[in-house]
C-alpha atoms as a PDB file:
ATOM      1  CA  GLN A   1      79.542  90.916  95.743  1.00  0.00           C
ATOM      2  CA  VAL A   2      83.095  89.921  94.531  1.00  0.00           C
ATOM      3  CA  GLN A   3      85.133  87.900  97.109  1.00  0.00           C
ATOM      4  CA  PHE A   4      88.868  87.852  97.299  1.00  0.00           C
ATOM      5  CA  VAL A   5      90.861  85.115  98.749  1.00  0.00           C
ATOM      6  CA  GLU A   6      94.654  85.727  99.619  1.00  0.00           C
ATOM      7  CA  SER A   7      97.332  83.205 100.356  1.00  0.00           C
ATOM      8  CA  GLY A   8     101.126  82.440 100.467  1.00  0.00           C
ATOM      9  CA  GLY A   9     101.766  84.404 103.423  1.00  0.00           C
ATOM     10  CA  GLY A  10     104.053  83.260 106.328  1.00  0.00           C
ATOM     11  CA  LEU A  11     107.006  83.787 108.398  1.00  0.00           C
ATOM     12  CA  VAL A  12     110.143  84.467 106.622  1.00  0.00           C
ATOM     13  CA  GLN A  13     113.737  85.596 107.527  1.00  0.00           C
ATOM     14  CA  PRO A  14     114.713  89.155 106.368  1.00  0.00           C
ATOM     15  CA  GLY A  15     116.167  88.918 102.817  1.00  0.00           C
ATOM     16  CA  GLY A  16     113.663  85.824 102.075  1.00  0.00           C
ATOM     17  CA  SER A  17     111.151  85.861  99.413  1.00  0.00           C
ATOM     18  CA  LEU A  18     107.438  85.161  99.488  1.00  0.00           C
ATOM     19  CA  ARG A  19     104.885  84.766  96.565  1.00  0.00           C
ATOM     20  CA  LEU A  20     101.311  85.707  97.533  1.00  0.00           C
ATOM     21  CA  ALA A  21      98.331  84.797  95.577  1.00  0.00           C
ATOM     22  CA  CYS A  22      94.800  86.240  95.100  1.00  0.00           C
ATOM     23  CA  THR A  23      91.720  84.342  93.759  1.00  0.00           C
ATOM     24  CA  THR A  24      88.314  86.061  93.217  1.00  0.00           C
ATOM     25  CA  SER A  25      84.974  84.779  92.846  1.00  0.00           C
ATOM     26  CA  THR A  26      84.561  86.590  89.553  1.00  0.00           C
ATOM     27  CA  ASP A  27      86.279  86.523  86.217  1.00  0.00           C
ATOM     28  CA  ILE A  28      89.357  88.513  86.934  1.00  0.00           C
ATOM     29  CA  LYS A  29      89.197  89.944  83.499  1.00  0.00           C
ATOM     30  CA  ARG A  30      86.043  91.756  84.426  1.00  0.00           C
ATOM     31  CA  ILE A  31      87.889  93.841  86.895  1.00  0.00           C
ATOM     32  CA  TYR A  32      89.300  96.892  85.418  1.00  0.00           C
ATOM     33  CA  ALA A  33      92.270  97.307  87.834  1.00  0.00           C
ATOM     34  CA  MET A  34      93.452  95.166  90.811  1.00  0.00           C
ATOM     35  CA  GLY A  35      95.863  95.907  93.680  1.00  0.00           C
ATOM     36  CA  TRP A  36      97.844  94.570  96.579  1.00  0.00           C
ATOM     37  CA  PHE A  37      97.351  96.236  99.900  1.00  0.00           C
ATOM     38  CA  ARG A  38      98.858  95.909 103.353  1.00  0.00           C
ATOM     39  CA  GLN A  39      98.109  96.941 106.794  1.00  0.00           C
ATOM     40  CA  ARG A  40     101.339  96.989 109.100  1.00  0.00           C
ATOM     41  CA  PRO A  41     100.973  97.031 112.721  1.00  0.00           C
ATOM     42  CA  GLY A  42      99.535 100.313 114.274  1.00  0.00           C
ATOM     43  CA  ARG A  43      99.160 101.756 110.644  1.00  0.00           C
ATOM     44  CA  GLN A  44      96.362 102.275 108.186  1.00  0.00           C
ATOM     45  CA  ARG A  45      95.956 100.087 105.209  1.00  0.00           C
ATOM     46  CA  GLU A  46      97.935 101.224 102.222  1.00  0.00           C
ATOM     47  CA  VAL A  47      98.205 100.488  98.607  1.00  0.00           C
ATOM     48  CA  VAL A  48     101.358  98.403  97.711  1.00  0.00           C
ATOM     49  CA  ALA A  49     100.987  97.744  94.036  1.00  0.00           C
ATOM     50  CA  THR A  50      98.257  97.906  91.238  1.00  0.00           C
ATOM     51  CA  LEU A  51      97.884  96.497  87.726  1.00  0.00           C
ATOM     52  CA  ASN A  52      95.069  97.395  85.129  1.00  0.00           C
ATOM     53  CA  ASP A  53      93.805  95.457  82.374  1.00  0.00           C
ATOM     54  CA  SER A  54      95.896  97.076  80.027  1.00  0.00           C
ATOM     55  CA  GLY A  55      98.801  95.731  82.048  1.00  0.00           C
ATOM     56  CA  ARG A  56      99.827  99.150  83.364  1.00  0.00           C
ATOM     57  CA  ILE A  57     101.610  98.524  86.796  1.00  0.00           C
ATOM     58  CA  ASN A  58     102.094 100.985  89.479  1.00  0.00           C
ATOM     59  CA  TYR A  59     104.256 100.467  92.564  1.00  0.00           C
ATOM     60  CA  GLU A  60     103.650 102.597  95.824  1.00  0.00           C
ATOM     61  CA  VAL A  61     106.323 100.469  97.525  1.00  0.00           C
ATOM     62  CA  PRO A  62     109.271 100.572  95.027  1.00  0.00           C
ATOM     63  CA  GLY A  63     111.964  98.025  94.520  1.00  0.00           C
ATOM     64  CA  ARG A  64     111.591  94.453  95.909  1.00  0.00           C
ATOM     65  CA  LEU A  65     107.871  93.524  94.515  1.00  0.00           C
ATOM     66  CA  THR A  66     106.263  92.182  91.058  1.00  0.00           C
ATOM     67  CA  ILE A  67     102.953  92.264  90.671  1.00  0.00           C
ATOM     68  CA  SER A  68     101.310  89.939  87.848  1.00  0.00           C
ATOM     69  CA  ARG A  69      98.192  88.007  87.039  1.00  0.00           C
ATOM     70  CA  ASP A  70      97.621  84.688  85.278  1.00  0.00           C
ATOM     71  CA  LEU A  71      94.210  85.067  83.477  1.00  0.00           C
ATOM     72  CA  ALA A  72      94.029  81.382  82.944  1.00  0.00           C
ATOM     73  CA  LYS A  73      94.243  80.545  86.669  1.00  0.00           C
ATOM     74  CA  ASN A  74      92.301  83.806  87.388  1.00  0.00           C
ATOM     75  CA  THR A  75      94.857  84.593  89.872  1.00  0.00           C
ATOM     76  CA  LEU A  76      96.687  87.710  90.971  1.00  0.00           C
ATOM     77  CA  TYR A  77     100.070  87.490  92.388  1.00  0.00           C
ATOM     78  CA  LEU A  78     102.587  89.544  94.361  1.00  0.00           C
ATOM     79  CA  GLN A  79     106.317  88.325  94.339  1.00  0.00           C
ATOM     80  CA  MET A  80     108.062  89.819  97.324  1.00  0.00           C
ATOM     81  CA  ASP A  81     112.014  89.639  97.488  1.00  0.00           C
ATOM     82  CA  SER A  82     114.539  90.914  99.757  1.00  0.00           C
ATOM     83  CA  LEU A  83     111.995  91.118 102.494  1.00  0.00           C
ATOM     84  CA  LYS A  84     112.428  93.414 105.400  1.00  0.00           C
ATOM     85  CA  PRO A  85     110.948  93.408 108.912  1.00  0.00           C
ATOM     86  CA  GLU A  86     109.052  96.521 107.868  1.00  0.00           C
ATOM     87  CA  ASP A  87     107.317  94.591 105.310  1.00  0.00           C
ATOM     88  CA  THR A  88     105.683  92.577 108.202  1.00  0.00           C
ATOM     89  CA  ALA A  89     101.978  93.221 107.656  1.00  0.00           C
ATOM     90  CA  VAL A  90      98.631  91.554 106.455  1.00  0.00           C
ATOM     91  CA  TYR A  91      98.477  91.650 102.808  1.00  0.00           C
ATOM     92  CA  TYR A  92      95.041  91.910 100.879  1.00  0.00           C
ATOM     93  CA  CYS A  93      93.996  92.141  97.422  1.00  0.00           C
ATOM     94  CA  ASN A  94      91.264  93.956  95.882  1.00  0.00           C
ATOM     95  CA  GLU A  95      89.725  95.833  93.101  1.00  0.00           C
ATOM     96  CA  TYR A  96      91.744  99.194  92.830  1.00  0.00           C
ATOM     97  CA  LEU A  97      89.700 102.328  92.645  1.00  0.00           C
ATOM     98  CA  PRO A  98      92.110 105.304  92.376  1.00  0.00           C
ATOM     99  CA  LEU A  99      89.380 107.806  93.342  1.00  0.00           C
ATOM    100  CA  THR A 100      87.873 105.948  96.264  1.00  0.00           C
ATOM    101  CA  PRO A 101      89.517 106.549  99.685  1.00  0.00           C
ATOM    102  CA  LEU A 102      90.640 102.953 100.924  1.00  0.00           C
ATOM    103  CA  GLY A 103      88.482 103.388 104.115  1.00  0.00           C
ATOM    104  CA  ASP A 104      85.480 103.149 101.407  1.00  0.00           C
ATOM    105  CA  TYR A 105      86.555 100.002  99.956  1.00  0.00           C
ATOM    106  CA  ARG A 106      84.373  96.904 100.415  1.00  0.00           C
ATOM    107  CA  ASN A 107      84.740  93.286  99.599  1.00  0.00           C
ATOM    108  CA  TRP A 108      87.976  92.984 101.762  1.00  0.00           C
ATOM    109  CA  GLY A 109      89.059  89.354 102.301  1.00  0.00           C
ATOM    110  CA  GLN A 110      90.724  87.947 105.340  1.00  0.00           C
ATOM    111  CA  GLY A 111      94.127  88.740 103.847  1.00  0.00           C
ATOM    112  CA  THR A 112      97.322  86.846 104.397  1.00  0.00           C
ATOM    113  CA  GLN A 113     100.018  87.436 107.313  1.00  0.00           C
ATOM    114  CA  VAL A 114     103.462  88.030 106.269  1.00  0.00           C
ATOM    115  CA  THR A 115     105.997  88.331 109.155  1.00  0.00           C
ATOM    116  CA  VAL A 116     109.510  88.947 108.306  1.00  0.00           C
ATOM    117  CA  SER A 117     111.714  88.164 111.405  1.00  0.00           C
ATOM    118  CA  ALA A 118     115.016  86.508 112.196  1.00  0.00           C
END
C-alpha cells in the first residue's frame, strides 16, 4: 500500500505563495500519473492538477499553480502563487486515476492545510 505524505501548508495572506511537497513510500517513477487534490470547507474533494510520467500536465484550477516533480528527491510539488481566500483547503497528493471517481480512491494521506486569510 503506497503512502503519501504532504507538507508545506500554512497560513498565508492573500496574494502570497506556498510550495507544497509530497513524498511517497514507493519510487515515484513507478506511478504513471500523480495529482494534487484539495477539499475546501463544506465541499467535496476535487482535482487541482495532474502530472503523468510523460510530463503531461493538466490543471483543473487554471492560472496560479505549477505542478512539478523531482525524481531524484522522489517528490511531487505544487507551487501556488497569488493565493486567494477561496484556495483555503486541505491539499492532498495521490496517484491520479482518471477513470476512477475520487470517492473510490485509496491511500489518502493526512493532507496539508492551506489557509489564505488576511
